[in-house]
Amino acid sequence: TRMVALPDGSLRQVTYSFMIWDGYDDLL
């Protein structure tokens, strides 16, 4: 689970598998 910042400045708690977050980190 990570907190995701939205364009309006709010944060949303989002839970994905480690594999999805690993792909996200690779993209960054």
mmCIF file of all heavy atoms, coordinates in Angstrom:
data_MODEL
# 
_entry.id   MODEL 
# 
loop_
_atom_site.group_PDB 
_atom_site.id 
_atom_site.type_symbol 
_atom_site.label_atom_id 
_atom_site.label_alt_id 
_atom_site.label_comp_id 
_atom_site.label_asym_id 
_atom_site.label_entity_id 
_atom_site.label_seq_id 
_atom_site.pdbx_PDB_ins_code 
_atom_site.Cartn_x 
_atom_site.Cartn_y 
_atom_site.Cartn_z 
_atom_site.occupancy 
_atom_site.B_iso_or_equiv 
_atom_site.pdbx_formal_charge 
_atom_site.auth_seq_id 
_atom_site.auth_comp_id 
_atom_site.auth_asym_id 
_atom_site.auth_atom_id 
_atom_site.pdbx_PDB_model_num 
ATOM 1   N N   . THR A 1 1  ? 0.837   -1.194 0.000   1.00 0.00 ? 1  THR A N   1 
ATOM 2   C CA  . THR A 1 1  ? 0.000   0.000  0.000   1.00 0.00 ? 1  THR A CA  1 
ATOM 3   C C   . THR A 1 1  ? 0.874   1.247  0.000   1.00 0.00 ? 1  THR A C   1 
ATOM 4   O O   . THR A 1 1  ? 1.851   1.326  0.746   1.00 0.00 ? 1  THR A O   1 
ATOM 5   C CB  . THR A 1 1  ? -0.918  0.007  1.242   1.00 0.00 ? 1  THR A CB  1 
ATOM 6   O OG1 . THR A 1 1  ? -1.734  -1.172 1.207   1.00 0.00 ? 1  THR A OG1 1 
ATOM 7   C CG2 . THR A 1 1  ? -1.808  1.235  1.267   1.00 0.00 ? 1  THR A CG2 1 
ATOM 8   N N   . ARG A 1 2  ? 0.511   2.198  -0.849  1.00 0.00 ? 2  ARG A N   1 
ATOM 9   C CA  . ARG A 1 2  ? 1.201   3.486  -0.919  1.00 0.00 ? 2  ARG A CA  1 
ATOM 10  C C   . ARG A 1 2  ? 0.166   4.594  -0.984  1.00 0.00 ? 2  ARG A C   1 
ATOM 11  O O   . ARG A 1 2  ? -0.978  4.371  -1.342  1.00 0.00 ? 2  ARG A O   1 
ATOM 12  C CB  . ARG A 1 2  ? 2.083   3.579  -2.172  1.00 0.00 ? 2  ARG A CB  1 
ATOM 13  C CG  . ARG A 1 2  ? 3.212   2.576  -2.198  1.00 0.00 ? 2  ARG A CG  1 
ATOM 14  C CD  . ARG A 1 2  ? 4.127   2.870  -3.360  1.00 0.00 ? 2  ARG A CD  1 
ATOM 15  N NE  . ARG A 1 2  ? 5.126   1.830  -3.536  1.00 0.00 ? 2  ARG A NE  1 
ATOM 16  C CZ  . ARG A 1 2  ? 6.087   1.873  -4.451  1.00 0.00 ? 2  ARG A CZ  1 
ATOM 17  N NH1 . ARG A 1 2  ? 6.166   2.909  -5.274  1.00 0.00 ? 2  ARG A NH1 1 
ATOM 18  N NH2 . ARG A 1 2  ? 6.949   0.896  -4.559  1.00 0.00 ? 2  ARG A NH2 1 
ATOM 19  N N   . MET A 1 3  ? 0.613   5.787  -0.645  1.00 0.00 ? 3  MET A N   1 
ATOM 20  C CA  . MET A 1 3  ? -0.227  6.974  -0.775  1.00 0.00 ? 3  MET A CA  1 
ATOM 21  C C   . MET A 1 3  ? 0.071   7.599  -2.135  1.00 0.00 ? 3  MET A C   1 
ATOM 22  O O   . MET A 1 3  ? 1.229   7.825  -2.479  1.00 0.00 ? 3  MET A O   1 
ATOM 23  C CB  . MET A 1 3  ? 0.058   7.968  0.339   1.00 0.00 ? 3  MET A CB  1 
ATOM 24  C CG  . MET A 1 3  ? -0.258  7.421  1.732   1.00 0.00 ? 3  MET A CG  1 
ATOM 25  S SD  . MET A 1 3  ? -1.960  6.853  1.929   1.00 0.00 ? 3  MET A SD  1 
ATOM 26  C CE  . MET A 1 3  ? -2.829  8.397  1.979   1.00 0.00 ? 3  MET A CE  1 
ATOM 27  N N   . VAL A 1 4  ? -0.975  7.859  -2.910  1.00 0.00 ? 4  VAL A N   1 
ATOM 28  C CA  . VAL A 1 4  ? -0.839  8.423  -4.253  1.00 0.00 ? 4  VAL A CA  1 
ATOM 29  C C   . VAL A 1 4  ? -1.367  9.853  -4.234  1.00 0.00 ? 4  VAL A C   1 
ATOM 30  O O   . VAL A 1 4  ? -2.500  10.091 -3.807  1.00 0.00 ? 4  VAL A O   1 
ATOM 31  C CB  . VAL A 1 4  ? -1.617  7.570  -5.283  1.00 0.00 ? 4  VAL A CB  1 
ATOM 32  C CG1 . VAL A 1 4  ? -1.608  8.224  -6.651  1.00 0.00 ? 4  VAL A CG1 1 
ATOM 33  C CG2 . VAL A 1 4  ? -1.036  6.164  -5.348  1.00 0.00 ? 4  VAL A CG2 1 
ATOM 34  N N   . ALA A 1 5  ? -0.530  10.793 -4.664  1.00 0.00 ? 5  ALA A N   1 
ATOM 35  C CA  . ALA A 1 5  ? -0.940  12.200 -4.726  1.00 0.00 ? 5  ALA A CA  1 
ATOM 36  C C   . ALA A 1 5  ? -1.773  12.434 -5.980  1.00 0.00 ? 5  ALA A C   1 
ATOM 37  O O   . ALA A 1 5  ? -1.397  12.030 -7.084  1.00 0.00 ? 5  ALA A O   1 
ATOM 38  C CB  . ALA A 1 5  ? 0.291   13.097 -4.751  1.00 0.00 ? 5  ALA A CB  1 
ATOM 39  N N   . LEU A 1 6  ? -2.904  13.091 -5.797  1.00 0.00 ? 6  LEU A N   1 
ATOM 40  C CA  . LEU A 1 6  ? -3.799  13.425 -6.907  1.00 0.00 ? 6  LEU A CA  1 
ATOM 41  C C   . LEU A 1 6  ? -3.605  14.888 -7.298  1.00 0.00 ? 6  LEU A C   1 
ATOM 42  O O   . LEU A 1 6  ? -3.053  15.675 -6.521  1.00 0.00 ? 6  LEU A O   1 
ATOM 43  C CB  . LEU A 1 6  ? -5.244  13.151 -6.505  1.00 0.00 ? 6  LEU A CB  1 
ATOM 44  C CG  . LEU A 1 6  ? -5.542  11.696 -6.117  1.00 0.00 ? 6  LEU A CG  1 
ATOM 45  C CD1 . LEU A 1 6  ? -6.979  11.556 -5.671  1.00 0.00 ? 6  LEU A CD1 1 
ATOM 46  C CD2 . LEU A 1 6  ? -5.234  10.756 -7.258  1.00 0.00 ? 6  LEU A CD2 1 
ATOM 47  N N   . PRO A 1 7  ? -4.049  15.271 -8.487  1.00 0.00 ? 7  PRO A N   1 
ATOM 48  C CA  . PRO A 1 7  ? -3.848  16.646 -8.957  1.00 0.00 ? 7  PRO A CA  1 
ATOM 49  C C   . PRO A 1 7  ? -4.416  17.722 -8.036  1.00 0.00 ? 7  PRO A C   1 
ATOM 50  O O   . PRO A 1 7  ? -3.889  18.826 -7.974  1.00 0.00 ? 7  PRO A O   1 
ATOM 51  C CB  . PRO A 1 7  ? -4.549  16.673 -10.314 1.00 0.00 ? 7  PRO A CB  1 
ATOM 52  C CG  . PRO A 1 7  ? -4.541  15.267 -10.780 1.00 0.00 ? 7  PRO A CG  1 
ATOM 53  C CD  . PRO A 1 7  ? -4.655  14.437 -9.529  1.00 0.00 ? 7  PRO A CD  1 
ATOM 54  N N   . ASP A 1 8  ? -5.460  17.407 -7.292  1.00 0.00 ? 8  ASP A N   1 
ATOM 55  C CA  . ASP A 1 8  ? -6.054  18.411 -6.398  1.00 0.00 ? 8  ASP A CA  1 
ATOM 56  C C   . ASP A 1 8  ? -5.308  18.533 -5.072  1.00 0.00 ? 8  ASP A C   1 
ATOM 57  O O   . ASP A 1 8  ? -5.723  19.267 -4.173  1.00 0.00 ? 8  ASP A O   1 
ATOM 58  C CB  . ASP A 1 8  ? -7.534  18.117 -6.155  1.00 0.00 ? 8  ASP A CB  1 
ATOM 59  C CG  . ASP A 1 8  ? -7.767  16.815 -5.393  1.00 0.00 ? 8  ASP A CG  1 
ATOM 60  O OD1 . ASP A 1 8  ? -6.788  16.156 -4.970  1.00 0.00 ? 8  ASP A OD1 1 
ATOM 61  O OD2 . ASP A 1 8  ? -8.945  16.455 -5.210  1.00 0.00 ? 8  ASP A OD2 1 
ATOM 62  N N   . GLY A 1 9  ? -4.198  17.796 -4.936  1.00 0.00 ? 9  GLY A N   1 
ATOM 63  C CA  . GLY A 1 9  ? -3.399  17.855 -3.719  1.00 0.00 ? 9  GLY A CA  1 
ATOM 64  C C   . GLY A 1 9  ? -3.775  16.831 -2.674  1.00 0.00 ? 9  GLY A C   1 
ATOM 65  O O   . GLY A 1 9  ? -3.074  16.676 -1.674  1.00 0.00 ? 9  GLY A O   1 
ATOM 66  N N   . SER A 1 10 ? -4.859  16.135 -2.881  1.00 0.00 ? 10 SER A N   1 
ATOM 67  C CA  . SER A 1 10 ? -5.266  15.112 -1.917  1.00 0.00 ? 10 SER A CA  1 
ATOM 68  C C   . SER A 1 10 ? -4.422  13.845 -2.111  1.00 0.00 ? 10 SER A C   1 
ATOM 69  O O   . SER A 1 10 ? -3.771  13.665 -3.142  1.00 0.00 ? 10 SER A O   1 
ATOM 70  C CB  . SER A 1 10 ? -6.753  14.793 -2.072  1.00 0.00 ? 10 SER A CB  1 
ATOM 71  O OG  . SER A 1 10 ? -7.010  14.207 -3.325  1.00 0.00 ? 10 SER A OG  1 
ATOM 72  N N   . LEU A 1 11 ? -4.453  13.001 -1.110  1.00 0.00 ? 11 LEU A N   1 
ATOM 73  C CA  . LEU A 1 11 ? -3.742  11.724 -1.165  1.00 0.00 ? 11 LEU A CA  1 
ATOM 74  C C   . LEU A 1 11 ? -4.757  10.602 -1.122  1.00 0.00 ? 11 LEU A C   1 
ATOM 75  O O   . LEU A 1 11 ? -5.766  10.684 -0.431  1.00 0.00 ? 11 LEU A O   1 
ATOM 76  C CB  . LEU A 1 11 ? -2.793  11.594 0.024   1.00 0.00 ? 11 LEU A CB  1 
ATOM 77  C CG  . LEU A 1 11 ? -1.658  12.592 0.095   1.00 0.00 ? 11 LEU A CG  1 
ATOM 78  C CD1 . LEU A 1 11 ? -0.891  12.419 1.403   1.00 0.00 ? 11 LEU A CD1 1 
ATOM 79  C CD2 . LEU A 1 11 ? -0.714  12.433 -1.092  1.00 0.00 ? 11 LEU A CD2 1 
ATOM 80  N N   . ARG A 1 12 ? -4.468  9.561  -1.867  1.00 0.00 ? 12 ARG A N   1 
ATOM 81  C CA  . ARG A 1 12 ? -5.351  8.396  -1.883  1.00 0.00 ? 12 ARG A CA  1 
ATOM 82  C C   . ARG A 1 12 ? -4.509  7.161  -1.568  1.00 0.00 ? 12 ARG A C   1 
ATOM 83  O O   . ARG A 1 12 ? -3.458  6.947  -2.161  1.00 0.00 ? 12 ARG A O   1 
ATOM 84  C CB  . ARG A 1 12 ? -6.005  8.242  -3.249  1.00 0.00 ? 12 ARG A CB  1 
ATOM 85  C CG  . ARG A 1 12 ? -6.952  7.053  -3.303  1.00 0.00 ? 12 ARG A CG  1 
ATOM 86  C CD  . ARG A 1 12 ? -7.695  7.000  -4.573  1.00 0.00 ? 12 ARG A CD  1 
ATOM 87  N NE  . ARG A 1 12 ? -8.634  8.118  -4.586  1.00 0.00 ? 12 ARG A NE  1 
ATOM 88  C CZ  . ARG A 1 12 ? -9.630  8.225  -5.429  1.00 0.00 ? 12 ARG A CZ  1 
ATOM 89  N NH1 . ARG A 1 12 ? -9.821  7.289  -6.330  1.00 0.00 ? 12 ARG A NH1 1 
ATOM 90  N NH2 . ARG A 1 12 ? -10.443 9.254  -5.395  1.00 0.00 ? 12 ARG A NH2 1 
ATOM 91  N N   . GLN A 1 13 ? -4.999  6.352  -0.651  1.00 0.00 ? 13 GLN A N   1 
ATOM 92  C CA  . GLN A 1 13 ? -4.328  5.106  -0.313  1.00 0.00 ? 13 GLN A CA  1 
ATOM 93  C C   . GLN A 1 13 ? -4.666  4.076  -1.373  1.00 0.00 ? 13 GLN A C   1 
ATOM 94  O O   . GLN A 1 13 ? -5.833  3.826  -1.654  1.00 0.00 ? 13 GLN A O   1 
ATOM 95  C CB  . GLN A 1 13 ? -4.790  4.644  1.055   1.00 0.00 ? 13 GLN A CB  1 
ATOM 96  C CG  . GLN A 1 13 ? -4.086  3.416  1.552   1.00 0.00 ? 13 GLN A CG  1 
ATOM 97  C CD  . GLN A 1 13 ? -4.477  3.090  2.987   1.00 0.00 ? 13 GLN A CD  1 
ATOM 98  O OE1 . GLN A 1 13 ? -4.537  3.962  3.827   1.00 0.00 ? 13 GLN A OE1 1 
ATOM 99  N NE2 . GLN A 1 13 ? -4.747  1.828  3.234   1.00 0.00 ? 13 GLN A NE2 1 
ATOM 100 N N   . VAL A 1 14 ? -3.627  3.481  -1.957  1.00 0.00 ? 14 VAL A N   1 
ATOM 101 C CA  . VAL A 1 14 ? -3.824  2.518  -3.044  1.00 0.00 ? 14 VAL A CA  1 
ATOM 102 C C   . VAL A 1 14 ? -3.000  1.268  -2.742  1.00 0.00 ? 14 VAL A C   1 
ATOM 103 O O   . VAL A 1 14 ? -1.833  1.359  -2.374  1.00 0.00 ? 14 VAL A O   1 
ATOM 104 C CB  . VAL A 1 14 ? -3.386  3.125  -4.400  1.00 0.00 ? 14 VAL A CB  1 
ATOM 105 C CG1 . VAL A 1 14 ? -3.555  2.128  -5.520  1.00 0.00 ? 14 VAL A CG1 1 
ATOM 106 C CG2 . VAL A 1 14 ? -4.158  4.400  -4.696  1.00 0.00 ? 14 VAL A CG2 1 
ATOM 107 N N   . THR A 1 15 ? -3.625  0.108  -2.920  1.00 0.00 ? 15 THR A N   1 
ATOM 108 C CA  . THR A 1 15 ? -2.946  -1.166 -2.699  1.00 0.00 ? 15 THR A CA  1 
ATOM 109 C C   . THR A 1 15 ? -2.891  -1.941 -4.010  1.00 0.00 ? 15 THR A C   1 
ATOM 110 O O   . THR A 1 15 ? -3.925  -2.191 -4.636  1.00 0.00 ? 15 THR A O   1 
ATOM 111 C CB  . THR A 1 15 ? -3.678  -1.998 -1.625  1.00 0.00 ? 15 THR A CB  1 
ATOM 112 O OG1 . THR A 1 15 ? -3.739  -1.243 -0.414  1.00 0.00 ? 15 THR A OG1 1 
ATOM 113 C CG2 . THR A 1 15 ? -2.960  -3.316 -1.377  1.00 0.00 ? 15 THR A CG2 1 
ATOM 114 N N   . TYR A 1 16 ? -1.667  -2.265 -4.409  1.00 0.00 ? 16 TYR A N   1 
ATOM 115 C CA  . TYR A 1 16 ? -1.423  -3.113 -5.584  1.00 0.00 ? 16 TYR A CA  1 
ATOM 116 C C   . TYR A 1 16 ? -0.415  -4.177 -5.175  1.00 0.00 ? 16 TYR A C   1 
ATOM 117 O O   . TYR A 1 16 ? 0.206   -4.111 -4.119  1.00 0.00 ? 16 TYR A O   1 
ATOM 118 C CB  . TYR A 1 16 ? -0.811  -2.319 -6.744  1.00 0.00 ? 16 TYR A CB  1 
ATOM 119 C CG  . TYR A 1 16 ? -1.662  -1.220 -7.297  1.00 0.00 ? 16 TYR A CG  1 
ATOM 120 C CD1 . TYR A 1 16 ? -1.104  0.019  -7.585  1.00 0.00 ? 16 TYR A CD1 1 
ATOM 121 C CD2 . TYR A 1 16 ? -3.011  -1.397 -7.572  1.00 0.00 ? 16 TYR A CD2 1 
ATOM 122 C CE1 . TYR A 1 16 ? -1.873  1.046  -8.122  1.00 0.00 ? 16 TYR A CE1 1 
ATOM 123 C CE2 . TYR A 1 16 ? -3.789  -0.377 -8.105  1.00 0.00 ? 16 TYR A CE2 1 
ATOM 124 C CZ  . TYR A 1 16 ? -3.212  0.843  -8.376  1.00 0.00 ? 16 TYR A CZ  1 
ATOM 125 O OH  . TYR A 1 16 ? -3.970  1.851  -8.897  1.00 0.00 ? 16 TYR A OH  1 
ATOM 126 N N   . SER A 1 17 ? -0.182  -5.123 -6.067  1.00 0.00 ? 17 SER A N   1 
ATOM 127 C CA  . SER A 1 17 ? 0.854   -6.119 -5.818  1.00 0.00 ? 17 SER A CA  1 
ATOM 128 C C   . SER A 1 17 ? 2.232   -5.455 -5.941  1.00 0.00 ? 17 SER A C   1 
ATOM 129 O O   . SER A 1 17 ? 2.391   -4.399 -6.568  1.00 0.00 ? 17 SER A O   1 
ATOM 130 C CB  . SER A 1 17 ? 0.754   -7.266 -6.827  1.00 0.00 ? 17 SER A CB  1 
ATOM 131 O OG  . SER A 1 17 ? 1.099   -6.797 -8.117  1.00 0.00 ? 17 SER A OG  1 
ATOM 132 N N   . PHE A 1 18 ? 3.219   -6.088 -5.334  1.00 0.00 ? 18 PHE A N   1 
ATOM 133 C CA  . PHE A 1 18 ? 4.594   -5.595 -5.439  1.00 0.00 ? 18 PHE A CA  1 
ATOM 134 C C   . PHE A 1 18 ? 4.996   -5.468 -6.910  1.00 0.00 ? 18 PHE A C   1 
ATOM 135 O O   . PHE A 1 18 ? 5.708   -4.536 -7.281  1.00 0.00 ? 18 PHE A O   1 
ATOM 136 C CB  . PHE A 1 18 ? 5.553   -6.541 -4.698  1.00 0.00 ? 18 PHE A CB  1 
ATOM 137 C CG  . PHE A 1 18 ? 6.987   -6.190 -4.895  1.00 0.00 ? 18 PHE A CG  1 
ATOM 138 C CD1 . PHE A 1 18 ? 7.571   -5.159 -4.173  1.00 0.00 ? 18 PHE A CD1 1 
ATOM 139 C CD2 . PHE A 1 18 ? 7.762   -6.872 -5.819  1.00 0.00 ? 18 PHE A CD2 1 
ATOM 140 C CE1 . PHE A 1 18 ? 8.898   -4.816 -4.369  1.00 0.00 ? 18 PHE A CE1 1 
ATOM 141 C CE2 . PHE A 1 18 ? 9.089   -6.535 -6.023  1.00 0.00 ? 18 PHE A CE2 1 
ATOM 142 C CZ  . PHE A 1 18 ? 9.656   -5.510 -5.293  1.00 0.00 ? 18 PHE A CZ  1 
ATOM 143 N N   . MET A 1 19 ? 4.525   -6.386 -7.750  1.00 0.00 ? 19 MET A N   1 
ATOM 144 C CA  . MET A 1 19 ? 4.878   -6.368 -9.174  1.00 0.00 ? 19 MET A CA  1 
ATOM 145 C C   . MET A 1 19 ? 4.420   -5.076 -9.849  1.00 0.00 ? 19 MET A C   1 
ATOM 146 O O   . MET A 1 19 ? 5.160   -4.485 -10.641 1.00 0.00 ? 19 MET A O   1 
ATOM 147 C CB  . MET A 1 19 ? 4.270   -7.575 -9.884  1.00 0.00 ? 19 MET A CB  1 
ATOM 148 C CG  . MET A 1 19 ? 4.598   -7.660 -11.354 1.00 0.00 ? 19 MET A CG  1 
ATOM 149 S SD  . MET A 1 19 ? 3.987   -9.185 -12.127 1.00 0.00 ? 19 MET A SD  1 
ATOM 150 C CE  . MET A 1 19 ? 2.245   -9.092 -11.820 1.00 0.00 ? 19 MET A CE  1 
ATOM 151 N N   . ILE A 1 20 ? 3.219   -4.605 -9.542  1.00 0.00 ? 20 ILE A N   1 
ATOM 152 C CA  . ILE A 1 20 ? 2.718   -3.358 -10.138 1.00 0.00 ? 20 ILE A CA  1 
ATOM 153 C C   . ILE A 1 20 ? 3.548   -2.183 -9.644  1.00 0.00 ? 20 ILE A C   1 
ATOM 154 O O   . ILE A 1 20 ? 3.970   -1.329 -10.430 1.00 0.00 ? 20 ILE A O   1 
ATOM 155 C CB  . ILE A 1 20 ? 1.223   -3.156 -9.815  1.00 0.00 ? 20 ILE A CB  1 
ATOM 156 C CG1 . ILE A 1 20 ? 0.378   -4.256 -10.451 1.00 0.00 ? 20 ILE A CG1 1 
ATOM 157 C CG2 . ILE A 1 20 ? 0.760   -1.758 -10.258 1.00 0.00 ? 20 ILE A CG2 1 
ATOM 158 C CD1 . ILE A 1 20 ? 0.393   -4.278 -11.971 1.00 0.00 ? 20 ILE A CD1 1 
ATOM 159 N N   . TRP A 1 21 ? 3.810   -2.114 -8.335  1.00 0.00 ? 21 TRP A N   1 
ATOM 160 C CA  . TRP A 1 21 ? 4.603   -1.007 -7.803  1.00 0.00 ? 21 TRP A CA  1 
ATOM 161 C C   . TRP A 1 21 ? 6.039   -1.053 -8.324  1.00 0.00 ? 21 TRP A C   1 
ATOM 162 O O   . TRP A 1 21 ? 6.655   -0.009 -8.539  1.00 0.00 ? 21 TRP A O   1 
ATOM 163 C CB  . TRP A 1 21 ? 4.584   -1.004 -6.277  1.00 0.00 ? 21 TRP A CB  1 
ATOM 164 C CG  . TRP A 1 21 ? 3.298   -0.530 -5.693  1.00 0.00 ? 21 TRP A CG  1 
ATOM 165 C CD1 . TRP A 1 21 ? 2.486   -1.217 -4.833  1.00 0.00 ? 21 TRP A CD1 1 
ATOM 166 C CD2 . TRP A 1 21 ? 2.653   0.738  -5.903  1.00 0.00 ? 21 TRP A CD2 1 
ATOM 167 N NE1 . TRP A 1 21 ? 1.391   -0.461 -4.509  1.00 0.00 ? 21 TRP A NE1 1 
ATOM 168 C CE2 . TRP A 1 21 ? 1.466   0.753  -5.151  1.00 0.00 ? 21 TRP A CE2 1 
ATOM 169 C CE3 . TRP A 1 21 ? 2.965   1.865  -6.669  1.00 0.00 ? 21 TRP A CE3 1 
ATOM 170 C CZ2 . TRP A 1 21 ? 0.598   1.844  -5.120  1.00 0.00 ? 21 TRP A CZ2 1 
ATOM 171 C CZ3 . TRP A 1 21 ? 2.096   2.954  -6.649  1.00 0.00 ? 21 TRP A CZ3 1 
ATOM 172 C CH2 . TRP A 1 21 ? 0.938   2.936  -5.883  1.00 0.00 ? 21 TRP A CH2 1 
ATOM 173 N N   . ASP A 1 22 ? 6.577   -2.245 -8.539  1.00 0.00 ? 22 ASP A N   1 
ATOM 174 C CA  . ASP A 1 22 ? 7.926   -2.358 -9.094  1.00 0.00 ? 22 ASP A CA  1 
ATOM 175 C C   . ASP A 1 22 ? 7.966   -1.784 -10.512 1.00 0.00 ? 22 ASP A C   1 
ATOM 176 O O   . ASP A 1 22 ? 8.903   -1.071 -10.876 1.00 0.00 ? 22 ASP A O   1 
ATOM 177 C CB  . ASP A 1 22 ? 8.372   -3.826 -9.083  1.00 0.00 ? 22 ASP A CB  1 
ATOM 178 C CG  . ASP A 1 22 ? 9.832   -3.995 -9.405  1.00 0.00 ? 22 ASP A CG  1 
ATOM 179 O OD1 . ASP A 1 22 ? 10.668  -3.315 -8.773  1.00 0.00 ? 22 ASP A OD1 1 
ATOM 180 O OD2 . ASP A 1 22 ? 10.157  -4.824 -10.289 1.00 0.00 ? 22 ASP A OD2 1 
ATOM 181 N N   . GLY A 1 23 ? 6.924   -2.073 -11.307 1.00 0.00 ? 23 GLY A N   1 
ATOM 182 C CA  . GLY A 1 23 ? 6.831   -1.482 -12.648 1.00 0.00 ? 23 GLY A CA  1 
ATOM 183 C C   . GLY A 1 23 ? 6.701   0.025  -12.582 1.00 0.00 ? 23 GLY A C   1 
ATOM 184 O O   . GLY A 1 23 ? 7.318   0.752  -13.367 1.00 0.00 ? 23 GLY A O   1 
ATOM 185 N N   . TYR A 1 24 ? 5.906   0.523  -11.635 1.00 0.00 ? 24 TYR A N   1 
ATOM 186 C CA  . TYR A 1 24 ? 5.752   1.968  -11.430 1.00 0.00 ? 24 TYR A CA  1 
ATOM 187 C C   . TYR A 1 24 ? 7.109   2.600  -11.105 1.00 0.00 ? 24 TYR A C   1 
ATOM 188 O O   . TYR A 1 24 ? 7.493   3.614  -11.706 1.00 0.00 ? 24 TYR A O   1 
ATOM 189 C CB  . TYR A 1 24 ? 4.751   2.204  -10.292 1.00 0.00 ? 24 TYR A CB  1 
ATOM 190 C CG  . TYR A 1 24 ? 4.659   3.619  -9.821  1.00 0.00 ? 24 TYR A CG  1 
ATOM 191 C CD1 . TYR A 1 24 ? 3.890   4.558  -10.494 1.00 0.00 ? 24 TYR A CD1 1 
ATOM 192 C CD2 . TYR A 1 24 ? 5.343   4.022  -8.674  1.00 0.00 ? 24 TYR A CD2 1 
ATOM 193 C CE1 . TYR A 1 24 ? 3.798   5.868  -10.041 1.00 0.00 ? 24 TYR A CE1 1 
ATOM 194 C CE2 . TYR A 1 24 ? 5.256   5.326  -8.219  1.00 0.00 ? 24 TYR A CE2 1 
ATOM 195 C CZ  . TYR A 1 24 ? 4.488   6.241  -8.911  1.00 0.00 ? 24 TYR A CZ  1 
ATOM 196 O OH  . TYR A 1 24 ? 4.406   7.534  -8.462  1.00 0.00 ? 24 TYR A OH  1 
ATOM 197 N N   . ASP A 1 25 ? 7.847   2.002  -10.187 1.00 0.00 ? 25 ASP A N   1 
ATOM 198 C CA  . ASP A 1 25 ? 9.168   2.529  -9.821  1.00 0.00 ? 25 ASP A CA  1 
ATOM 199 C C   . ASP A 1 25 ? 10.117  2.518  -11.013 1.00 0.00 ? 25 ASP A C   1 
ATOM 200 O O   . ASP A 1 25 ? 10.892  3.464  -11.208 1.00 0.00 ? 25 ASP A O   1 
ATOM 201 C CB  . ASP A 1 25 ? 9.760   1.727  -8.662  1.00 0.00 ? 25 ASP A CB  1 
ATOM 202 C CG  . ASP A 1 25 ? 8.981   1.902  -7.366  1.00 0.00 ? 25 ASP A CG  1 
ATOM 203 O OD1 . ASP A 1 25 ? 8.267   2.919  -7.210  1.00 0.00 ? 25 ASP A OD1 1 
ATOM 204 O OD2 . ASP A 1 25 ? 9.082   1.002  -6.504  1.00 0.00 ? 25 ASP A OD2 1 
ATOM 205 N N   . ASP A 1 26 ? 10.070  1.457  -11.823 1.00 0.00 ? 26 ASP A N   1 
ATOM 206 C CA  . ASP A 1 26 ? 10.908  1.396  -13.024 1.00 0.00 ? 26 ASP A CA  1 
ATOM 207 C C   . ASP A 1 26 ? 10.565  2.532  -13.989 1.00 0.00 ? 26 ASP A C   1 
ATOM 208 O O   . ASP A 1 26 ? 11.459  3.123  -14.604 1.00 0.00 ? 26 ASP A O   1 
ATOM 209 C CB  . ASP A 1 26 ? 10.749  0.056  -13.739 1.00 0.00 ? 26 ASP A CB  1 
ATOM 210 C CG  . ASP A 1 26 ? 11.433  -1.094 -13.012 1.00 0.00 ? 26 ASP A CG  1 
ATOM 211 O OD1 . ASP A 1 26 ? 12.235  -0.837 -12.094 1.00 0.00 ? 26 ASP A OD1 1 
ATOM 212 O OD2 . ASP A 1 26 ? 11.142  -2.260 -13.362 1.00 0.00 ? 26 ASP A OD2 1 
ATOM 213 N N   . LEU A 1 27 ? 9.280   2.832  -14.130 1.00 0.00 ? 27 LEU A N   1 
ATOM 214 C CA  . LEU A 1 27 ? 8.864   3.925  -15.014 1.00 0.00 ? 27 LEU A CA  1 
ATOM 215 C C   . LEU A 1 27 ? 9.400   5.264  -14.518 1.00 0.00 ? 27 LEU A C   1 
ATOM 216 O O   . LEU A 1 27 ? 9.883   6.084  -15.306 1.00 0.00 ? 27 LEU A O   1 
ATOM 217 C CB  . LEU A 1 27 ? 7.342   3.975  -15.142 1.00 0.00 ? 27 LEU A CB  1 
ATOM 218 C CG  . LEU A 1 27 ? 6.700   2.841  -15.916 1.00 0.00 ? 27 LEU A CG  1 
ATOM 219 C CD1 . LEU A 1 27 ? 5.187   2.909  -15.791 1.00 0.00 ? 27 LEU A CD1 1 
ATOM 220 C CD2 . LEU A 1 27 ? 7.128   2.868  -17.371 1.00 0.00 ? 27 LEU A CD2 1 
ATOM 221 N N   . LEU A 1 28 ? 9.337   5.496  -13.213 1.00 0.00 ? 28 LEU A N   1 
ATOM 222 C CA  . LEU A 1 28 ? 9.872   6.742  -12.662 1.00 0.00 ? 28 LEU A CA  1 
ATOM 223 C C   . LEU A 1 28 ? 11.375  6.841  -12.891 1.00 0.00 ? 28 LEU A C   1 
ATOM 224 O O   . LEU A 1 28 ? 11.889  7.900  -13.263 1.00 0.00 ? 28 LEU A O   1 
ATOM 225 C CB  . LEU A 1 28 ? 9.552   6.858  -11.174 1.00 0.00 ? 28 LEU A CB  1 
ATOM 226 C CG  . LEU A 1 28 ? 8.075   6.950  -10.798 1.00 0.00 ? 28 LEU A CG  1 
ATOM 227 C CD1 . LEU A 1 28 ? 7.929   7.150  -9.289  1.00 0.00 ? 28 LEU A CD1 1 
ATOM 228 C CD2 . LEU A 1 28 ? 7.349   8.042  -11.559 1.00 0.00 ? 28 LEU A CD2 1 
# 
